[in-house]
Amino acid sequence: FDRANLLDPGAEQALTSKLAKLEEATSDQLVLVTLPNLGGEKIEK
């Protein structure tokens, strides 16, 4: 979920493929999120 537009399309596609393979192999779900900012909130929240 590249909301900050930090990833080029090739990197995003490679990451998406790698994450899908991980989920298929283990059932673990890993999600990568980029945000332009946190809107004044703490990153933990």
PDB file of all heavy atoms in Angstrom:
ATOM      1  N   PHE A   1       0.872  -1.175   0.000  1.00  0.00           N
ATOM      2  CA  PHE A   1       0.000   0.000   0.000  1.00  0.00           C
ATOM      3  C   PHE A   1       0.910   1.228   0.000  1.00  0.00           C
ATOM      4  O   PHE A   1       1.270   1.761   1.037  1.00  0.00           O
ATOM      5  CB  PHE A   1      -0.892  -0.048   1.251  1.00  0.00           C
ATOM      6  CG  PHE A   1      -1.989   0.971   1.268  1.00  0.00           C
ATOM      7  CD1 PHE A   1      -3.095   0.840   0.446  1.00  0.00           C
ATOM      8  CD2 PHE A   1      -1.940   2.041   2.152  1.00  0.00           C
ATOM      9  CE1 PHE A   1      -4.129   1.768   0.487  1.00  0.00           C
ATOM     10  CE2 PHE A   1      -2.967   2.973   2.195  1.00  0.00           C
ATOM     11  CZ  PHE A   1      -4.060   2.841   1.360  1.00  0.00           C
ATOM     12  N   ASP A   2       1.325   1.650  -1.187  1.00  0.00           N
ATOM     13  CA  ASP A   2       2.307   2.718  -1.354  1.00  0.00           C
ATOM     14  C   ASP A   2       1.620   4.071  -1.476  1.00  0.00           C
ATOM     15  O   ASP A   2       1.609   4.693  -2.521  1.00  0.00           O
ATOM     16  CB  ASP A   2       3.186   2.435  -2.581  1.00  0.00           C
ATOM     17  CG  ASP A   2       4.308   3.436  -2.752  1.00  0.00           C
ATOM     18  OD1 ASP A   2       4.677   4.112  -1.767  1.00  0.00           O
ATOM     19  OD2 ASP A   2       4.819   3.546  -3.882  1.00  0.00           O
ATOM     20  N   ARG A   3       1.064   4.544  -0.399  1.00  0.00           N
ATOM     21  CA  ARG A   3       0.326   5.809  -0.374  1.00  0.00           C
ATOM     22  C   ARG A   3       1.247   7.007  -0.588  1.00  0.00           C
ATOM     23  O   ARG A   3       0.827   8.036  -1.073  1.00  0.00           O
ATOM     24  CB  ARG A   3      -0.388   5.907   0.976  1.00  0.00           C
ATOM     25  CG  ARG A   3      -1.283   7.051   1.116  1.00  0.00           C
ATOM     26  CD  ARG A   3      -2.693   6.667   0.713  1.00  0.00           C
ATOM     27  NE  ARG A   3      -3.571   7.705   1.162  1.00  0.00           N
ATOM     28  CZ  ARG A   3      -4.004   8.681   0.376  1.00  0.00           C
ATOM     29  NH1 ARG A   3      -3.704   8.708  -0.878  1.00  0.00           N
ATOM     30  NH2 ARG A   3      -4.773   9.623   0.859  1.00  0.00           N
ATOM     31  N   ALA A   4       2.541   6.877  -0.232  1.00  0.00           N
ATOM     32  CA  ALA A   4       3.487   7.986  -0.384  1.00  0.00           C
ATOM     33  C   ALA A   4       4.163   7.990  -1.758  1.00  0.00           C
ATOM     34  O   ALA A   4       4.972   8.862  -2.035  1.00  0.00           O
ATOM     35  CB  ALA A   4       4.549   7.918   0.711  1.00  0.00           C
ATOM     36  N   ASN A   5       3.833   7.012  -2.591  1.00  0.00           N
ATOM     37  CA  ASN A   5       4.431   6.900  -3.923  1.00  0.00           C
ATOM     38  C   ASN A   5       5.955   6.875  -3.872  1.00  0.00           C
ATOM     39  O   ASN A   5       6.630   7.579  -4.618  1.00  0.00           O
ATOM     40  CB  ASN A   5       3.939   8.019  -4.845  1.00  0.00           C
ATOM     41  CG  ASN A   5       2.459   7.924  -5.097  1.00  0.00           C
ATOM     42  OD1 ASN A   5       1.934   6.844  -5.362  1.00  0.00           O
ATOM     43  ND2 ASN A   5       1.772   9.037  -4.977  1.00  0.00           N
ATOM     44  N   LEU A   6       6.491   6.052  -2.997  1.00  0.00           N
ATOM     45  CA  LEU A   6       7.937   5.926  -2.838  1.00  0.00           C
ATOM     46  C   LEU A   6       8.522   4.808  -3.688  1.00  0.00           C
ATOM     47  O   LEU A   6       9.730   4.768  -3.892  1.00  0.00           O
ATOM     48  CB  LEU A   6       8.281   5.659  -1.366  1.00  0.00           C
ATOM     49  CG  LEU A   6       7.893   6.748  -0.376  1.00  0.00           C
ATOM     50  CD1 LEU A   6       8.197   6.300   1.050  1.00  0.00           C
ATOM     51  CD2 LEU A   6       8.594   8.049  -0.699  1.00  0.00           C
ATOM     52  N   LEU A   7       7.685   3.897  -4.156  1.00  0.00           N
ATOM     53  CA  LEU A   7       8.164   2.717  -4.874  1.00  0.00           C
ATOM     54  C   LEU A   7       7.892   2.845  -6.363  1.00  0.00           C
ATOM     55  O   LEU A   7       6.809   3.260  -6.764  1.00  0.00           O
ATOM     56  CB  LEU A   7       7.461   1.460  -4.346  1.00  0.00           C
ATOM     57  CG  LEU A   7       7.602   1.195  -2.842  1.00  0.00           C
ATOM     58  CD1 LEU A   7       6.676   0.074  -2.418  1.00  0.00           C
ATOM     59  CD2 LEU A   7       9.049   0.877  -2.489  1.00  0.00           C
ATOM     60  N   ASP A   8       8.879   2.441  -7.157  1.00  0.00           N
ATOM     61  CA  ASP A   8       8.617   2.412  -8.595  1.00  0.00           C
ATOM     62  C   ASP A   8       7.765   1.180  -8.890  1.00  0.00           C
ATOM     63  O   ASP A   8       7.714   0.239  -8.088  1.00  0.00           O
ATOM     64  CB  ASP A   8       9.918   2.432  -9.410  1.00  0.00           C
ATOM     65  CG  ASP A   8      10.776   1.212  -9.187  1.00  0.00           C
ATOM     66  OD1 ASP A   8      10.338   0.094  -9.530  1.00  0.00           O
ATOM     67  OD2 ASP A   8      11.907   1.365  -8.684  1.00  0.00           O
ATOM     68  N   PRO A   9       7.072   1.152 -10.026  1.00  0.00           N
ATOM     69  CA  PRO A   9       6.169   0.033 -10.325  1.00  0.00           C
ATOM     70  C   PRO A   9       6.855  -1.337 -10.303  1.00  0.00           C
ATOM     71  O   PRO A   9       6.265  -2.314  -9.847  1.00  0.00           O
ATOM     72  CB  PRO A   9       5.640   0.355 -11.724  1.00  0.00           C
ATOM     73  CG  PRO A   9       5.759   1.841 -11.832  1.00  0.00           C
ATOM     74  CD  PRO A   9       6.980   2.215 -11.043  1.00  0.00           C
ATOM     75  N   GLY A  10       8.095  -1.416 -10.752  1.00  0.00           N
ATOM     76  CA  GLY A  10       8.817  -2.692 -10.735  1.00  0.00           C
ATOM     77  C   GLY A  10       9.061  -3.194  -9.326  1.00  0.00           C
ATOM     78  O   GLY A  10       8.890  -4.380  -9.036  1.00  0.00           O
ATOM     79  N   ALA A  11       9.459  -2.289  -8.429  1.00  0.00           N
ATOM     80  CA  ALA A  11       9.691  -2.665  -7.032  1.00  0.00           C
ATOM     81  C   ALA A  11       8.394  -3.091  -6.366  1.00  0.00           C
ATOM     82  O   ALA A  11       8.348  -4.084  -5.637  1.00  0.00           O
ATOM     83  CB  ALA A  11      10.324  -1.500  -6.267  1.00  0.00           C
ATOM     84  N   GLU A  12       7.325  -2.346  -6.643  1.00  0.00           N
ATOM     85  CA  GLU A  12       6.029  -2.684  -6.055  1.00  0.00           C
ATOM     86  C   GLU A  12       5.555  -4.062  -6.518  1.00  0.00           C
ATOM     87  O   GLU A  12       5.071  -4.869  -5.727  1.00  0.00           O
ATOM     88  CB  GLU A  12       4.996  -1.622  -6.398  1.00  0.00           C
ATOM     89  CG  GLU A  12       3.692  -1.799  -5.658  1.00  0.00           C
ATOM     90  CD  GLU A  12       2.757  -0.618  -5.806  1.00  0.00           C
ATOM     91  OE1 GLU A  12       3.184   0.470  -6.218  1.00  0.00           O
ATOM     92  OE2 GLU A  12       1.562  -0.816  -5.491  1.00  0.00           O
ATOM     93  N   GLN A  13       5.736  -4.348  -7.787  1.00  0.00           N
ATOM     94  CA  GLN A  13       5.333  -5.644  -8.327  1.00  0.00           C
ATOM     95  C   GLN A  13       6.171  -6.772  -7.736  1.00  0.00           C
ATOM     96  O   GLN A  13       5.645  -7.822  -7.358  1.00  0.00           O
ATOM     97  CB  GLN A  13       5.455  -5.635  -9.849  1.00  0.00           C
ATOM     98  CG  GLN A  13       4.962  -6.909 -10.496  1.00  0.00           C
ATOM     99  CD  GLN A  13       5.041  -6.837 -12.016  1.00  0.00           C
ATOM    100  OE1 GLN A  13       5.701  -5.977 -12.595  1.00  0.00           O
ATOM    101  NE2 GLN A  13       4.356  -7.758 -12.655  1.00  0.00           N
ATOM    102  N   ALA A  14       7.484  -6.568  -7.626  1.00  0.00           N
ATOM    103  CA  ALA A  14       8.368  -7.591  -7.051  1.00  0.00           C
ATOM    104  C   ALA A  14       8.014  -7.847  -5.587  1.00  0.00           C
ATOM    105  O   ALA A  14       7.984  -9.008  -5.141  1.00  0.00           O
ATOM    106  CB  ALA A  14       9.827  -7.169  -7.191  1.00  0.00           C
ATOM    107  N   LEU A  15       7.753  -6.797  -4.835  1.00  0.00           N
ATOM    108  CA  LEU A  15       7.375  -6.949  -3.429  1.00  0.00           C
ATOM    109  C   LEU A  15       6.041  -7.668  -3.298  1.00  0.00           C
ATOM    110  O   LEU A  15       5.890  -8.569  -2.467  1.00  0.00           O
ATOM    111  CB  LEU A  15       7.301  -5.579  -2.750  1.00  0.00           C
ATOM    112  CG  LEU A  15       8.646  -4.920  -2.455  1.00  0.00           C
ATOM    113  CD1 LEU A  15       8.474  -3.422  -2.228  1.00  0.00           C
ATOM    114  CD2 LEU A  15       9.307  -5.587  -1.262  1.00  0.00           C
ATOM    115  N   THR A  16       5.072  -7.296  -4.109  1.00  0.00           N
ATOM    116  CA  THR A  16       3.755  -7.933  -4.070  1.00  0.00           C
ATOM    117  C   THR A  16       3.877  -9.427  -4.350  1.00  0.00           C
ATOM    118  O   THR A  16       3.274 -10.251  -3.655  1.00  0.00           O
ATOM    119  CB  THR A  16       2.808  -7.266  -5.085  1.00  0.00           C
ATOM    120  OG1 THR A  16       2.647  -5.887  -4.716  1.00  0.00           O
ATOM    121  CG2 THR A  16       1.450  -7.944  -5.113  1.00  0.00           C
ATOM    122  N   SER A  17       4.676  -9.792  -5.332  1.00  0.00           N
ATOM    123  CA  SER A  17       4.878 -11.201  -5.677  1.00  0.00           C
ATOM    124  C   SER A  17       5.540 -11.959  -4.522  1.00  0.00           C
ATOM    125  O   SER A  17       5.117 -13.052  -4.159  1.00  0.00           O
ATOM    126  CB  SER A  17       5.735 -11.302  -6.937  1.00  0.00           C
ATOM    127  OG  SER A  17       6.042 -12.644  -7.226  1.00  0.00           O
ATOM    128  N   LYS A  18       6.565 -11.366  -3.938  1.00  0.00           N
ATOM    129  CA  LYS A  18       7.279 -11.999  -2.823  1.00  0.00           C
ATOM    130  C   LYS A  18       6.344 -12.191  -1.629  1.00  0.00           C
ATOM    131  O   LYS A  18       6.350 -13.246  -0.985  1.00  0.00           O
ATOM    132  CB  LYS A  18       8.474 -11.120  -2.439  1.00  0.00           C
ATOM    133  CG  LYS A  18       9.275 -11.608  -1.285  1.00  0.00           C
ATOM    134  CD  LYS A  18      10.455 -12.355  -1.763  1.00  0.00           C
ATOM    135  CE  LYS A  18      11.349 -12.733  -0.609  1.00  0.00           C
ATOM    136  NZ  LYS A  18      12.380 -13.629  -1.006  1.00  0.00           N
ATOM    137  N   LEU A  19       5.526 -11.197  -1.338  1.00  0.00           N
ATOM    138  CA  LEU A  19       4.600 -11.285  -0.206  1.00  0.00           C
ATOM    139  C   LEU A  19       3.513 -12.333  -0.445  1.00  0.00           C
ATOM    140  O   LEU A  19       3.115 -13.043   0.481  1.00  0.00           O
ATOM    141  CB  LEU A  19       3.993  -9.919   0.084  1.00  0.00           C
ATOM    142  CG  LEU A  19       4.996  -8.846   0.528  1.00  0.00           C
ATOM    143  CD1 LEU A  19       4.317  -7.488   0.633  1.00  0.00           C
ATOM    144  CD2 LEU A  19       5.667  -9.228   1.821  1.00  0.00           C
ATOM    145  N   ALA A  20       3.057 -12.448  -1.680  1.00  0.00           N
ATOM    146  CA  ALA A  20       2.051 -13.470  -2.010  1.00  0.00           C
ATOM    147  C   ALA A  20       2.639 -14.871  -1.830  1.00  0.00           C
ATOM    148  O   ALA A  20       1.975 -15.765  -1.295  1.00  0.00           O
ATOM    149  CB  ALA A  20       1.564 -13.278  -3.442  1.00  0.00           C
ATOM    150  N   LYS A  21       3.875 -15.060  -2.252  1.00  0.00           N
ATOM    151  CA  LYS A  21       4.530 -16.368  -2.106  1.00  0.00           C
ATOM    152  C   LYS A  21       4.743 -16.717  -0.639  1.00  0.00           C
ATOM    153  O   LYS A  21       4.575 -17.868  -0.241  1.00  0.00           O
ATOM    154  CB  LYS A  21       5.854 -16.383  -2.859  1.00  0.00           C
ATOM    155  CG  LYS A  21       5.670 -16.400  -4.361  1.00  0.00           C
ATOM    156  CD  LYS A  21       6.990 -16.306  -5.090  1.00  0.00           C
ATOM    157  CE  LYS A  21       6.738 -16.240  -6.593  1.00  0.00           C
ATOM    158  NZ  LYS A  21       7.962 -15.948  -7.344  1.00  0.00           N
ATOM    159  N   LEU A  22       5.094 -15.729   0.175  1.00  0.00           N
ATOM    160  CA  LEU A  22       5.256 -15.968   1.607  1.00  0.00           C
ATOM    161  C   LEU A  22       3.932 -16.401   2.221  1.00  0.00           C
ATOM    162  O   LEU A  22       3.879 -17.376   2.967  1.00  0.00           O
ATOM    163  CB  LEU A  22       5.755 -14.695   2.311  1.00  0.00           C
ATOM    164  CG  LEU A  22       5.745 -14.742   3.841  1.00  0.00           C
ATOM    165  CD1 LEU A  22       6.734 -15.772   4.358  1.00  0.00           C
ATOM    166  CD2 LEU A  22       6.033 -13.369   4.415  1.00  0.00           C
ATOM    167  N   GLU A  23       2.868 -15.695   1.895  1.00  0.00           N
ATOM    168  CA  GLU A  23       1.560 -16.031   2.453  1.00  0.00           C
ATOM    169  C   GLU A  23       1.113 -17.421   2.012  1.00  0.00           C
ATOM    170  O   GLU A  23       0.566 -18.192   2.805  1.00  0.00           O
ATOM    171  CB  GLU A  23       0.531 -14.982   2.041  1.00  0.00           C
ATOM    172  CG  GLU A  23      -0.804 -15.165   2.734  1.00  0.00           C
ATOM    173  CD  GLU A  23      -1.770 -14.030   2.461  1.00  0.00           C
ATOM    174  OE1 GLU A  23      -1.355 -12.983   1.936  1.00  0.00           O
ATOM    175  OE2 GLU A  23      -2.956 -14.218   2.781  1.00  0.00           O
ATOM    176  N   GLU A  24       1.357 -17.754   0.757  1.00  0.00           N
ATOM    177  CA  GLU A  24       0.994 -19.073   0.249  1.00  0.00           C
ATOM    178  C   GLU A  24       1.775 -20.180   0.961  1.00  0.00           C
ATOM    179  O   GLU A  24       1.225 -21.225   1.285  1.00  0.00           O
ATOM    180  CB  GLU A  24       1.269 -19.129  -1.258  1.00  0.00           C
ATOM    181  CG  GLU A  24       0.821 -20.421  -1.910  1.00  0.00           C
ATOM    182  CD  GLU A  24       1.076 -20.399  -3.405  1.00  0.00           C
ATOM    183  OE1 GLU A  24       0.665 -19.436  -4.068  1.00  0.00           O
ATOM    184  OE2 GLU A  24       1.700 -21.365  -3.891  1.00  0.00           O
ATOM    185  N   ALA A  25       3.045 -19.932   1.233  1.00  0.00           N
ATOM    186  CA  ALA A  25       3.900 -20.952   1.849  1.00  0.00           C
ATOM    187  C   ALA A  25       3.673 -21.110   3.349  1.00  0.00           C
ATOM    188  O   ALA A  25       3.798 -22.212   3.884  1.00  0.00           O
ATOM    189  CB  ALA A  25       5.369 -20.626   1.593  1.00  0.00           C
ATOM    190  N   THR A  26       3.335 -20.017   4.047  1.00  0.00           N
ATOM    191  CA  THR A  26       3.279 -20.075   5.511  1.00  0.00           C
ATOM    192  C   THR A  26       1.936 -19.705   6.119  1.00  0.00           C
ATOM    193  O   THR A  26       1.730 -19.924   7.301  1.00  0.00           O
ATOM    194  CB  THR A  26       4.309 -19.100   6.117  1.00  0.00           C
ATOM    195  OG1 THR A  26       3.926 -17.764   5.794  1.00  0.00           O
ATOM    196  CG2 THR A  26       5.721 -19.395   5.642  1.00  0.00           C
ATOM    197  N   SER A  27       1.085 -19.068   5.381  1.00  0.00           N
ATOM    198  CA  SER A  27      -0.170 -18.453   5.806  1.00  0.00           C
ATOM    199  C   SER A  27       0.062 -17.140   6.542  1.00  0.00           C
ATOM    200  O   SER A  27      -0.885 -16.437   6.872  1.00  0.00           O
ATOM    201  CB  SER A  27      -1.059 -19.387   6.639  1.00  0.00           C
ATOM    202  OG  SER A  27      -0.707 -19.382   8.007  1.00  0.00           O
ATOM    203  N   ASP A  28       1.305 -16.766   6.801  1.00  0.00           N
ATOM    204  CA  ASP A  28       1.613 -15.482   7.427  1.00  0.00           C
ATOM    205  C   ASP A  28       1.355 -14.377   6.408  1.00  0.00           C
ATOM    206  O   ASP A  28       1.680 -14.519   5.237  1.00  0.00           O
ATOM    207  CB  ASP A  28       3.078 -15.414   7.867  1.00  0.00           C
ATOM    208  CG  ASP A  28       3.410 -16.478   8.903  1.00  0.00           C
ATOM    209  OD1 ASP A  28       2.520 -16.882   9.663  1.00  0.00           O
ATOM    210  OD2 ASP A  28       4.588 -16.885   8.949  1.00  0.00           O
ATOM    211  N   GLN A  29       0.773 -13.286   6.862  1.00  0.00           N
ATOM    212  CA  GLN A  29       0.491 -12.185   5.957  1.00  0.00           C
ATOM    213  C   GLN A  29       1.357 -10.992   6.347  1.00  0.00           C
ATOM    214  O   GLN A  29       1.282 -10.484   7.462  1.00  0.00           O
ATOM    215  CB  GLN A  29      -0.981 -11.803   6.010  1.00  0.00           C
ATOM    216  CG  GLN A  29      -1.361 -10.799   4.941  1.00  0.00           C
ATOM    217  CD  GLN A  29      -2.848 -10.498   4.941  1.00  0.00           C
ATOM    218  OE1 GLN A  29      -3.477 -10.411   5.994  1.00  0.00           O
ATOM    219  NE2 GLN A  29      -3.410 -10.327   3.767  1.00  0.00           N
ATOM    220  N   LEU A  30       2.178 -10.561   5.409  1.00  0.00           N
ATOM    221  CA  LEU A  30       3.059  -9.413   5.588  1.00  0.00           C
ATOM    222  C   LEU A  30       2.603  -8.325   4.635  1.00  0.00           C
ATOM    223  O   LEU A  30       2.413  -8.585   3.441  1.00  0.00           O
ATOM    224  CB  LEU A  30       4.503  -9.826   5.294  1.00  0.00           C
ATOM    225  CG  LEU A  30       5.594  -8.764   5.311  1.00  0.00           C
ATOM    226  CD1 LEU A  30       5.648  -8.028   6.636  1.00  0.00           C
ATOM    227  CD2 LEU A  30       6.944  -9.410   5.021  1.00  0.00           C
ATOM    228  N   VAL A  31       2.395  -7.126   5.163  1.00  0.00           N
ATOM    229  CA  VAL A  31       1.925  -5.995   4.368  1.00  0.00           C
ATOM    230  C   VAL A  31       2.903  -4.844   4.545  1.00  0.00           C
ATOM    231  O   VAL A  31       3.342  -4.552   5.663  1.00  0.00           O
ATOM    232  CB  VAL A  31       0.501  -5.574   4.805  1.00  0.00           C
ATOM    233  CG1 VAL A  31       0.056  -4.314   4.089  1.00  0.00           C
ATOM    234  CG2 VAL A  31      -0.488  -6.701   4.564  1.00  0.00           C
ATOM    235  N   LEU A  32       3.244  -4.196   3.429  1.00  0.00           N
ATOM    236  CA  LEU A  32       4.115  -3.029   3.441  1.00  0.00           C
ATOM    237  C   LEU A  32       3.279  -1.793   3.143  1.00  0.00           C
ATOM    238  O   LEU A  32       2.534  -1.773   2.158  1.00  0.00           O
ATOM    239  CB  LEU A  32       5.209  -3.168   2.381  1.00  0.00           C
ATOM    240  CG  LEU A  32       6.073  -1.932   2.164  1.00  0.00           C
ATOM    241  CD1 LEU A  32       6.991  -1.696   3.360  1.00  0.00           C
ATOM    242  CD2 LEU A  32       6.883  -2.064   0.892  1.00  0.00           C
ATOM    243  N   VAL A  33       3.399  -0.779   4.003  1.00  0.00           N
ATOM    244  CA  VAL A  33       2.639   0.460   3.844  1.00  0.00           C
ATOM    245  C   VAL A  33       3.611   1.636   3.862  1.00  0.00           C
ATOM    246  O   VAL A  33       4.478   1.716   4.734  1.00  0.00           O
ATOM    247  CB  VAL A  33       1.609   0.641   4.991  1.00  0.00           C
ATOM    248  CG1 VAL A  33       0.861   1.952   4.858  1.00  0.00           C
ATOM    249  CG2 VAL A  33       0.650  -0.533   5.039  1.00  0.00           C
ATOM    250  N   THR A  34       3.460   2.538   2.893  1.00  0.00           N
ATOM    251  CA  THR A  34       4.165   3.812   2.954  1.00  0.00           C
ATOM    252  C   THR A  34       3.114   4.908   3.034  1.00  0.00           C
ATOM    253  O   THR A  34       2.093   4.837   2.356  1.00  0.00           O
ATOM    254  CB  THR A  34       5.071   4.063   1.724  1.00  0.00           C
ATOM    255  OG1 THR A  34       4.273   4.307   0.574  1.00  0.00           O
ATOM    256  CG2 THR A  34       6.012   2.897   1.479  1.00  0.00           C
ATOM    257  N   LEU A  35       3.358   5.877   3.888  1.00  0.00           N
ATOM    258  CA  LEU A  35       2.456   7.013   4.037  1.00  0.00           C
ATOM    259  C   LEU A  35       3.250   8.297   3.875  1.00  0.00           C
ATOM    260  O   LEU A  35       4.398   8.374   4.315  1.00  0.00           O
ATOM    261  CB  LEU A  35       1.796   7.006   5.423  1.00  0.00           C
ATOM    262  CG  LEU A  35       0.893   5.823   5.761  1.00  0.00           C
ATOM    263  CD1 LEU A  35       0.415   5.915   7.204  1.00  0.00           C
ATOM    264  CD2 LEU A  35      -0.278   5.751   4.806  1.00  0.00           C
ATOM    265  N   PRO A  36       2.642   9.327   3.274  1.00  0.00           N
ATOM    266  CA  PRO A  36       3.365  10.594   3.144  1.00  0.00           C
ATOM    267  C   PRO A  36       3.649  11.220   4.502  1.00  0.00           C
ATOM    268  O   PRO A  36       4.675  11.867   4.689  1.00  0.00           O
ATOM    269  CB  PRO A  36       2.435  11.472   2.309  1.00  0.00           C
ATOM    270  CG  PRO A  36       1.121  10.788   2.269  1.00  0.00           C
ATOM    271  CD  PRO A  36       1.330   9.363   2.652  1.00  0.00           C
ATOM    272  N   ASN A  37       2.758  11.011   5.470  1.00  0.00           N
ATOM    273  CA  ASN A  37       2.949  11.511   6.829  1.00  0.00           C
ATOM    274  C   ASN A  37       1.995  10.786   7.757  1.00  0.00           C
ATOM    275  O   ASN A  37       1.135  10.033   7.312  1.00  0.00           O
ATOM    276  CB  ASN A  37       2.754  13.030   6.892  1.00  0.00           C
ATOM    277  CG  ASN A  37       1.355  13.424   6.499  1.00  0.00           C
ATOM    278  OD1 ASN A  37       0.408  13.124   7.214  1.00  0.00           O
ATOM    279  ND2 ASN A  37       1.209  14.088   5.355  1.00  0.00           N
ATOM    280  N   LEU A  38       2.158  11.045   9.034  1.00  0.00           N
ATOM    281  CA  LEU A  38       1.339  10.373  10.042  1.00  0.00           C
ATOM    282  C   LEU A  38       0.185  11.231  10.533  1.00  0.00           C
ATOM    283  O   LEU A  38      -0.532  10.830  11.443  1.00  0.00           O
ATOM    284  CB  LEU A  38       2.223   9.956  11.228  1.00  0.00           C
ATOM    285  CG  LEU A  38       3.334   8.971  10.897  1.00  0.00           C
ATOM    286  CD1 LEU A  38       4.283   8.821  12.081  1.00  0.00           C
ATOM    287  CD2 LEU A  38       2.748   7.628  10.486  1.00  0.00           C
ATOM    288  N   GLY A  39      -0.007  12.398   9.945  1.00  0.00           N
ATOM    289  CA  GLY A  39      -1.121  13.262  10.332  1.00  0.00           C
ATOM    290  C   GLY A  39      -1.097  13.663  11.789  1.00  0.00           C
ATOM    291  O   GLY A  39      -2.143  13.814  12.410  1.00  0.00           O
ATOM    292  N   GLY A  40       0.103  13.812  12.355  1.00  0.00           N
ATOM    293  CA  GLY A  40       0.216  14.237  13.746  1.00  0.00           C
ATOM    294  C   GLY A  40       0.102  13.112  14.764  1.00  0.00           C
ATOM    295  O   GLY A  40       0.211  13.347  15.965  1.00  0.00           O
ATOM    296  N   GLU A  41      -0.127  11.900  14.310  1.00  0.00           N
ATOM    297  CA  GLU A  41      -0.257  10.754  15.218  1.00  0.00           C
ATOM    298  C   GLU A  41       1.102  10.097  15.447  1.00  0.00           C
ATOM    299  O   GLU A  41       2.021  10.255  14.653  1.00  0.00           O
ATOM    300  CB  GLU A  41      -1.212   9.715  14.623  1.00  0.00           C
ATOM    301  CG  GLU A  41      -2.622  10.202  14.424  1.00  0.00           C
ATOM    302  CD  GLU A  41      -3.409  10.350  15.714  1.00  0.00           C
ATOM    303  OE1 GLU A  41      -2.984   9.817  16.754  1.00  0.00           O
ATOM    304  OE2 GLU A  41      -4.453  11.011  15.675  1.00  0.00           O
ATOM    305  N   LYS A  42       1.206   9.312  16.490  1.00  0.00           N
ATOM    306  CA  LYS A  42       2.417   8.532  16.752  1.00  0.00           C
ATOM    307  C   LYS A  42       2.418   7.334  15.805  1.00  0.00           C
ATOM    308  O   LYS A  42       1.366   6.764  15.514  1.00  0.00           O
ATOM    309  CB  LYS A  42       2.458   8.056  18.199  1.00  0.00           C
ATOM    310  CG  LYS A  42       2.648   9.185  19.189  1.00  0.00           C
ATOM    311  CD  LYS A  42       2.816   8.624  20.588  1.00  0.00           C
ATOM    312  CE  LYS A  42       3.027   9.727  21.581  1.00  0.00           C
ATOM    313  NZ  LYS A  42       4.384  10.188  21.629  1.00  0.00           N
ATOM    314  N   ILE A  43       3.604   6.942  15.358  1.00  0.00           N
ATOM    315  CA  ILE A  43       3.711   5.847  14.401  1.00  0.00           C
ATOM    316  C   ILE A  43       3.166   4.544  14.976  1.00  0.00           C
ATOM    317  O   ILE A  43       2.569   3.748  14.261  1.00  0.00           O
ATOM    318  CB  ILE A  43       5.156   5.689  13.875  1.00  0.00           C
ATOM    319  CG1 ILE A  43       5.150   4.800  12.616  1.00  0.00           C
ATOM    320  CG2 ILE A  43       6.103   5.200  14.966  1.00  0.00           C
ATOM    321  CD1 ILE A  43       6.446   4.843  11.826  1.00  0.00           C
ATOM    322  N   GLU A  44       3.338   4.336  16.281  1.00  0.00           N
ATOM    323  CA  GLU A  44       2.820   3.122  16.910  1.00  0.00           C
ATOM    324  C   GLU A  44       1.306   3.043  16.767  1.00  0.00           C
ATOM    325  O   GLU A  44       0.754   1.987  16.471  1.00  0.00           O
ATOM    326  CB  GLU A  44       3.185   3.075  18.404  1.00  0.00           C
ATOM    327  CG  GLU A  44       4.650   3.017  18.680  1.00  0.00           C
ATOM    328  CD  GLU A  44       5.276   4.398  18.888  1.00  0.00           C
ATOM    329  OE1 GLU A  44       4.711   5.423  18.426  1.00  0.00           O
ATOM    330  OE2 GLU A  44       6.352   4.438  19.504  1.00  0.00           O
ATOM    331  N   LYS A  45       0.648   4.167  16.995  1.00  0.00           N
ATOM    332  CA  LYS A  45      -0.811   4.214  16.913  1.00  0.00           C
ATOM    333  C   LYS A  45      -1.288   3.968  15.480  1.00  0.00           C
ATOM    334  O   LYS A  45      -2.249   3.232  15.258  1.00  0.00           O
ATOM    335  CB  LYS A  45      -1.323   5.563  17.423  1.00  0.00           C
ATOM    336  CG  LYS A  45      -2.826   5.695  17.390  1.00  0.00           C
ATOM    337  CD  LYS A  45      -3.285   7.024  17.932  1.00  0.00           C
ATOM    338  CE  LYS A  45      -4.808   7.120  17.865  1.00  0.00           C
ATOM    339  NZ  LYS A  45      -5.286   8.420  18.347  1.00  0.00           N
TER     340      LYS A  45
END
